[in-house]
Amino acid sequence: MVLIAGLAGCAAEKRTPLVVPIPTFTPSSSAATTAPARIVGALPTGCGAIASAEEISEAVGKTMPGQAKLVDGAADANIGRTDRIDCYYGLGDSDKVDDAPVRVGLASYSDAKTATTRVNKTVDDEKAAGARSSDVTVGADKGTLLIGRKTATLVATHQATTVVVIATLEAVPAAQAQTVLVKIADRALSPR
């Protein structure tokens, strides 16, 4: 009975409610810089998803005139390729795609092993032609930078997708090739 009277007394007593502050959190730098999603499956359908002319100009450090020119590639069962898209940057209206100062190509393959085989073939072919090679990191993926007499080439894979970035040494000097081509390849593998 005393307990009930005590409880009744507490219920009648007015108290100020307890206010508990809600904590706030600042995201860590690693959470704030989470990499964009990579291509898995179907390739993008246009150059804008790979990189705009402005993004390529920014990466290269000089204006690439004109719009990106798209060459939609085809599947090739002989090498396990299921799709291909090539974008050419820095061309005027009358220029041929072979004259592009920067080229970016994406290809999808039947599986990751086939994609790696194709990249290895490109690396072997470029080295046989006299290119110097070095391993590079493209986001979380591995790639190879090849410096030839007239061009710098970067090849990399992400699962069953490959990326090839080729720049003339006039557009991207050899000393800047790794930084510039890695940036372009990383962007191409992360279409928006």
C-alpha atoms as a PDB file:
ATOM      1  CA  MET A   1       0.000   0.000   0.000  1.00  0.00           C
ATOM      2  CA  VAL A   2       2.846   2.376   0.787  1.00  0.00           C
ATOM      3  CA  LEU A   3       4.321   1.560  -2.608  1.00  0.00           C
ATOM      4  CA  ILE A   4       1.068   2.503  -4.374  1.00  0.00           C
ATOM      5  CA  ALA A   5       0.852   5.787  -2.467  1.00  0.00           C
ATOM      6  CA  GLY A   6       4.463   6.550  -3.344  1.00  0.00           C
ATOM      7  CA  LEU A   7       3.810   5.870  -7.019  1.00  0.00           C
ATOM      8  CA  ALA A   8       0.711   8.023  -6.973  1.00  0.00           C
ATOM      9  CA  GLY A   9       2.744  10.824  -5.441  1.00  0.00           C
ATOM     10  CA  CYS A  10       5.355  10.538  -8.161  1.00  0.00           C
ATOM     11  CA  ALA A  11       2.691  10.615 -10.837  1.00  0.00           C
ATOM     12  CA  ALA A  12       1.279  13.848  -9.435  1.00  0.00           C
ATOM     13  CA  GLU A  13       4.680  15.494  -9.197  1.00  0.00           C
ATOM     14  CA  LYS A  14       5.558  17.694 -12.207  1.00  0.00           C
ATOM     15  CA  ARG A  15       8.987  17.173 -13.591  1.00  0.00           C
ATOM     16  CA  THR A  16      10.886  18.762 -16.437  1.00  0.00           C
ATOM     17  CA  PRO A  17      11.305  16.225 -19.222  1.00  0.00           C
ATOM     18  CA  LEU A  18      14.788  14.966 -19.844  1.00  0.00           C
ATOM     19  CA  VAL A  19      16.134  16.219 -23.199  1.00  0.00           C
ATOM     20  CA  VAL A  20      18.791  14.034 -24.779  1.00  0.00           C
ATOM     21  CA  PRO A  21      20.705  15.653 -27.650  1.00  0.00           C
ATOM     22  CA  ILE A  22      20.749  13.712 -30.886  1.00  0.00           C
ATOM     23  CA  PRO A  23      24.307  13.049 -31.933  1.00  0.00           C
ATOM     24  CA  THR A  24      25.504  14.172 -35.352  1.00  0.00           C
ATOM     25  CA  PHE A  25      28.155  12.449 -37.373  1.00  0.00           C
ATOM     26  CA  THR A  26      30.530  13.797 -39.969  1.00  0.00           C
ATOM     27  CA  PRO A  27      31.246  11.274 -42.713  1.00  0.00           C
ATOM     28  CA  SER A  28      34.823  10.089 -42.838  1.00  0.00           C
ATOM     29  CA  SER A  29      36.918  11.051 -45.840  1.00  0.00           C
ATOM     30  CA  SER A  30      36.732   7.498 -47.196  1.00  0.00           C
ATOM     31  CA  ALA A  31      32.926   7.531 -47.125  1.00  0.00           C
ATOM     32  CA  ALA A  32      32.824  10.947 -48.773  1.00  0.00           C
ATOM     33  CA  THR A  33      35.114   9.823 -51.589  1.00  0.00           C
ATOM     34  CA  THR A  34      33.454   6.518 -52.398  1.00  0.00           C
ATOM     35  CA  ALA A  35      34.195   5.627 -55.993  1.00  0.00           C
ATOM     36  CA  PRO A  36      31.334   5.666 -58.487  1.00  0.00           C
ATOM     37  CA  ALA A  37      29.911   2.360 -59.626  1.00  0.00           C
ATOM     38  CA  ARG A  38      31.785   0.494 -62.337  1.00  0.00           C
ATOM     39  CA  ILE A  39      30.346  -0.911 -65.542  1.00  0.00           C
ATOM     40  CA  VAL A  40      28.967  -4.387 -65.078  1.00  0.00           C
ATOM     41  CA  GLY A  41      27.060  -5.798 -68.022  1.00  0.00           C
ATOM     42  CA  ALA A  42      25.834  -3.596 -70.864  1.00  0.00           C
ATOM     43  CA  LEU A  43      28.051  -0.804 -72.136  1.00  0.00           C
ATOM     44  CA  PRO A  44      26.808   2.790 -72.291  1.00  0.00           C
ATOM     45  CA  THR A  45      25.241   3.845 -75.578  1.00  0.00           C
ATOM     46  CA  GLY A  46      26.941   7.211 -76.078  1.00  0.00           C
ATOM     47  CA  CYS A  47      30.183   9.067 -75.542  1.00  0.00           C
ATOM     48  CA  GLY A  48      28.628  11.421 -72.989  1.00  0.00           C
ATOM     49  CA  ALA A  49      28.324   8.519 -70.556  1.00  0.00           C
ATOM     50  CA  ILE A  50      32.005   7.659 -71.043  1.00  0.00           C
ATOM     51  CA  ALA A  51      33.319  11.238 -70.860  1.00  0.00           C
ATOM     52  CA  SER A  52      32.221  14.562 -72.263  1.00  0.00           C
ATOM     53  CA  ALA A  53      34.544  16.634 -74.444  1.00  0.00           C
ATOM     54  CA  GLU A  54      34.829  19.045 -71.491  1.00  0.00           C
ATOM     55  CA  GLU A  55      35.926  16.253 -69.119  1.00  0.00           C
ATOM     56  CA  ILE A  56      38.550  15.068 -71.606  1.00  0.00           C
ATOM     57  CA  SER A  57      39.759  18.675 -72.065  1.00  0.00           C
ATOM     58  CA  GLU A  58      40.011  19.075 -68.293  1.00  0.00           C
ATOM     59  CA  ALA A  59      41.968  15.818 -67.910  1.00  0.00           C
ATOM     60  CA  VAL A  60      44.346  16.692 -70.765  1.00  0.00           C
ATOM     61  CA  GLY A  61      44.754  20.290 -69.619  1.00  0.00           C
ATOM     62  CA  LYS A  62      43.875  21.863 -72.957  1.00  0.00           C
ATOM     63  CA  THR A  63      40.731  22.363 -74.980  1.00  0.00           C
ATOM     64  CA  MET A  64      39.769  19.453 -77.187  1.00  0.00           C
ATOM     65  CA  PRO A  65      37.741  21.073 -80.012  1.00  0.00           C
ATOM     66  CA  GLY A  66      34.455  19.743 -81.306  1.00  0.00           C
ATOM     67  CA  GLN A  67      32.179  17.080 -79.952  1.00  0.00           C
ATOM     68  CA  ALA A  68      33.068  13.478 -79.238  1.00  0.00           C
ATOM     69  CA  LYS A  69      32.602  11.225 -82.254  1.00  0.00           C
ATOM     70  CA  LEU A  70      31.068   7.841 -81.586  1.00  0.00           C
ATOM     71  CA  VAL A  71      31.895   4.672 -83.472  1.00  0.00           C
ATOM     72  CA  ASP A  72      29.641   1.889 -82.275  1.00  0.00           C
ATOM     73  CA  GLY A  73      31.540  -1.364 -82.544  1.00  0.00           C
ATOM     74  CA  ALA A  74      30.205  -4.833 -82.968  1.00  0.00           C
ATOM     75  CA  ALA A  75      30.304  -8.117 -81.185  1.00  0.00           C
ATOM     76  CA  ASP A  76      32.998 -10.529 -82.354  1.00  0.00           C
ATOM     77  CA  ALA A  77      32.402 -14.123 -81.306  1.00  0.00           C
ATOM     78  CA  ASN A  78      35.890 -15.122 -82.511  1.00  0.00           C
ATOM     79  CA  ILE A  79      37.481 -13.200 -79.633  1.00  0.00           C
ATOM     80  CA  GLY A  80      34.582 -13.418 -77.156  1.00  0.00           C
ATOM     81  CA  ARG A  81      33.627  -9.735 -77.516  1.00  0.00           C
ATOM     82  CA  THR A  82      29.943  -9.066 -76.862  1.00  0.00           C
ATOM     83  CA  ASP A  83      29.900  -5.286 -77.485  1.00  0.00           C
ATOM     84  CA  ARG A  84      32.176  -2.333 -78.216  1.00  0.00           C
ATOM     85  CA  ILE A  85      32.012   1.451 -78.222  1.00  0.00           C
ATOM     86  CA  ASP A  86      34.774   3.863 -79.271  1.00  0.00           C
ATOM     87  CA  CYS A  87      34.781   7.621 -78.730  1.00  0.00           C
ATOM     88  CA  TYR A  88      37.138  10.051 -80.441  1.00  0.00           C
ATOM     89  CA  TYR A  89      37.891  13.446 -78.904  1.00  0.00           C
ATOM     90  CA  GLY A  90      39.474  16.598 -80.286  1.00  0.00           C
ATOM     91  CA  LEU A  91      38.368  16.268 -83.900  1.00  0.00           C
ATOM     92  CA  GLY A  92      37.154  18.980 -86.236  1.00  0.00           C
ATOM     93  CA  ASP A  93      34.254  18.320 -88.591  1.00  0.00           C
ATOM     94  CA  SER A  94      36.478  17.173 -91.450  1.00  0.00           C
ATOM     95  CA  ASP A  95      39.005  15.157 -89.414  1.00  0.00           C
ATOM     96  CA  LYS A  96      39.120  11.372 -89.626  1.00  0.00           C
ATOM     97  CA  VAL A  97      38.823   9.368 -86.425  1.00  0.00           C
ATOM     98  CA  ASP A  98      42.392   8.106 -86.869  1.00  0.00           C
ATOM     99  CA  ASP A  99      43.528  11.731 -86.366  1.00  0.00           C
ATOM    100  CA  ALA A 100      41.914  12.062 -82.926  1.00  0.00           C
ATOM    101  CA  PRO A 101      44.319  13.270 -80.253  1.00  0.00           C
ATOM    102  CA  VAL A 102      42.417  11.217 -77.627  1.00  0.00           C
ATOM    103  CA  ARG A 103      40.520   7.958 -78.143  1.00  0.00           C
ATOM    104  CA  VAL A 104      38.594   5.966 -75.560  1.00  0.00           C
ATOM    105  CA  GLY A 105      37.226   2.502 -76.188  1.00  0.00           C
ATOM    106  CA  LEU A 106      35.157   0.189 -74.036  1.00  0.00           C
ATOM    107  CA  ALA A 107      34.485  -3.439 -74.856  1.00  0.00           C
ATOM    108  CA  SER A 108      32.578  -6.137 -73.043  1.00  0.00           C
ATOM    109  CA  TYR A 109      33.523  -9.794 -73.219  1.00  0.00           C
ATOM    110  CA  SER A 110      31.899 -13.088 -72.422  1.00  0.00           C
ATOM    111  CA  ASP A 111      33.796 -13.308 -69.106  1.00  0.00           C
ATOM    112  CA  ALA A 112      36.624 -11.720 -67.117  1.00  0.00           C
ATOM    113  CA  LYS A 113      39.214 -14.260 -68.310  1.00  0.00           C
ATOM    114  CA  THR A 114      38.493 -13.414 -71.962  1.00  0.00           C
ATOM    115  CA  ALA A 115      38.719  -9.668 -71.201  1.00  0.00           C
ATOM    116  CA  THR A 116      42.095 -10.166 -69.506  1.00  0.00           C
ATOM    117  CA  THR A 117      43.316 -12.235 -72.458  1.00  0.00           C
ATOM    118  CA  ARG A 118      42.423  -9.380 -74.853  1.00  0.00           C
ATOM    119  CA  VAL A 119      44.213  -6.804 -72.679  1.00  0.00           C
ATOM    120  CA  ASN A 120      47.298  -9.033 -72.488  1.00  0.00           C
ATOM    121  CA  LYS A 121      47.302  -9.329 -76.297  1.00  0.00           C
ATOM    122  CA  THR A 122      47.176  -5.534 -76.653  1.00  0.00           C
ATOM    123  CA  VAL A 123      50.049  -5.161 -74.178  1.00  0.00           C
ATOM    124  CA  ASP A 124      52.121  -7.812 -75.990  1.00  0.00           C
ATOM    125  CA  ASP A 125      51.465  -6.201 -79.396  1.00  0.00           C
ATOM    126  CA  GLU A 126      52.448  -2.725 -78.169  1.00  0.00           C
ATOM    127  CA  LYS A 127      55.590  -4.010 -76.465  1.00  0.00           C
ATOM    128  CA  ALA A 128      56.557  -5.888 -79.643  1.00  0.00           C
ATOM    129  CA  ALA A 129      56.244  -2.560 -81.482  1.00  0.00           C
ATOM    130  CA  GLY A 130      58.721  -0.968 -79.031  1.00  0.00           C
ATOM    131  CA  ALA A 131      56.441   0.526 -76.346  1.00  0.00           C
ATOM    132  CA  ARG A 132      57.667   0.743 -72.761  1.00  0.00           C
ATOM    133  CA  SER A 133      55.169  -0.656 -70.260  1.00  0.00           C
ATOM    134  CA  SER A 134      54.419  -0.063 -66.609  1.00  0.00           C
ATOM    135  CA  ASP A 135      51.712  -1.293 -64.266  1.00  0.00           C
ATOM    136  CA  VAL A 136      49.186   1.303 -63.085  1.00  0.00           C
ATOM    137  CA  THR A 137      46.138   1.410 -60.864  1.00  0.00           C
ATOM    138  CA  VAL A 138      42.831   2.618 -62.295  1.00  0.00           C
ATOM    139  CA  GLY A 139      40.530   3.094 -59.314  1.00  0.00           C
ATOM    140  CA  ALA A 140      40.411  -0.366 -57.726  1.00  0.00           C
ATOM    141  CA  ASP A 141      41.430  -2.032 -61.001  1.00  0.00           C
ATOM    142  CA  LYS A 142      44.827  -2.848 -62.477  1.00  0.00           C
ATOM    143  CA  GLY A 143      46.030  -1.629 -65.846  1.00  0.00           C
ATOM    144  CA  THR A 144      49.072  -1.175 -68.038  1.00  0.00           C
ATOM    145  CA  LEU A 145      50.458   2.082 -69.418  1.00  0.00           C
ATOM    146  CA  LEU A 146      52.339   1.778 -72.701  1.00  0.00           C
ATOM    147  CA  ILE A 147      54.465   4.618 -74.060  1.00  0.00           C
ATOM    148  CA  GLY A 148      55.263   4.287 -77.747  1.00  0.00           C
ATOM    149  CA  ARG A 149      56.973   6.554 -80.266  1.00  0.00           C
ATOM    150  CA  LYS A 150      53.868   8.631 -81.025  1.00  0.00           C
ATOM    151  CA  THR A 151      51.193   7.566 -78.545  1.00  0.00           C
ATOM    152  CA  ALA A 152      50.540   6.676 -74.934  1.00  0.00           C
ATOM    153  CA  THR A 153      48.094   3.825 -74.397  1.00  0.00           C
ATOM    154  CA  LEU A 154      46.445   2.670 -71.195  1.00  0.00           C
ATOM    155  CA  VAL A 155      44.570  -0.640 -71.035  1.00  0.00           C
ATOM    156  CA  ALA A 156      42.681  -1.998 -68.049  1.00  0.00           C
ATOM    157  CA  THR A 157      39.895  -4.385 -67.143  1.00  0.00           C
ATOM    158  CA  HIS A 158      37.028  -4.384 -64.718  1.00  0.00           C
ATOM    159  CA  GLN A 159      35.459  -7.824 -64.585  1.00  0.00           C
ATOM    160  CA  ALA A 160      34.426  -8.575 -68.212  1.00  0.00           C
ATOM    161  CA  THR A 161      34.846  -4.969 -69.440  1.00  0.00           C
ATOM    162  CA  THR A 162      38.009  -3.495 -70.929  1.00  0.00           C
ATOM    163  CA  VAL A 163      38.981   0.131 -71.421  1.00  0.00           C
ATOM    164  CA  VAL A 164      41.609   1.425 -73.832  1.00  0.00           C
ATOM    165  CA  VAL A 165      42.677   5.085 -73.763  1.00  0.00           C
ATOM    166  CA  ILE A 166      45.052   6.263 -76.487  1.00  0.00           C
ATOM    167  CA  ALA A 167      46.481   9.780 -76.645  1.00  0.00           C
ATOM    168  CA  THR A 168      49.010  11.264 -78.998  1.00  0.00           C
ATOM    169  CA  LEU A 169      52.167  12.406 -77.257  1.00  0.00           C
ATOM    170  CA  GLU A 170      51.483  15.859 -78.722  1.00  0.00           C
ATOM    171  CA  ALA A 171      48.216  16.007 -76.763  1.00  0.00           C
ATOM    172  CA  VAL A 172      49.521  14.260 -73.650  1.00  0.00           C
ATOM    173  CA  PRO A 173      53.317  14.272 -73.146  1.00  0.00           C
ATOM    174  CA  ALA A 174      54.826  11.019 -71.858  1.00  0.00           C
ATOM    175  CA  ALA A 175      55.638  12.580 -68.466  1.00  0.00           C
ATOM    176  CA  GLN A 176      51.925  13.321 -67.898  1.00  0.00           C
ATOM    177  CA  ALA A 177      50.506  10.205 -69.561  1.00  0.00           C
ATOM    178  CA  GLN A 178      49.986   8.111 -66.437  1.00  0.00           C
ATOM    179  CA  THR A 179      48.069  10.780 -64.525  1.00  0.00           C
ATOM    180  CA  VAL A 180      45.958  11.877 -67.495  1.00  0.00           C
ATOM    181  CA  LEU A 181      45.161   8.476 -68.981  1.00  0.00           C
ATOM    182  CA  VAL A 182      44.352   6.921 -65.593  1.00  0.00           C
ATOM    183  CA  LYS A 183      41.891   9.750 -64.922  1.00  0.00           C
ATOM    184  CA  ILE A 184      40.211   9.251 -68.311  1.00  0.00           C
ATOM    185  CA  ALA A 185      40.105   5.437 -67.961  1.00  0.00           C
ATOM    186  CA  ASP A 186      38.646   5.674 -64.454  1.00  0.00           C
ATOM    187  CA  ARG A 187      35.940   8.025 -65.727  1.00  0.00           C
ATOM    188  CA  ALA A 188      35.160   5.765 -68.706  1.00  0.00           C
ATOM    189  CA  LEU A 189      34.726   2.719 -66.465  1.00  0.00           C
ATOM    190  CA  SER A 190      32.304   4.699 -64.272  1.00  0.00           C
ATOM    191  CA  PRO A 191      29.663   5.964 -66.705  1.00  0.00           C
ATOM    192  CA  ARG A 192      27.066   8.439 -65.522  1.00  0.00           C
END
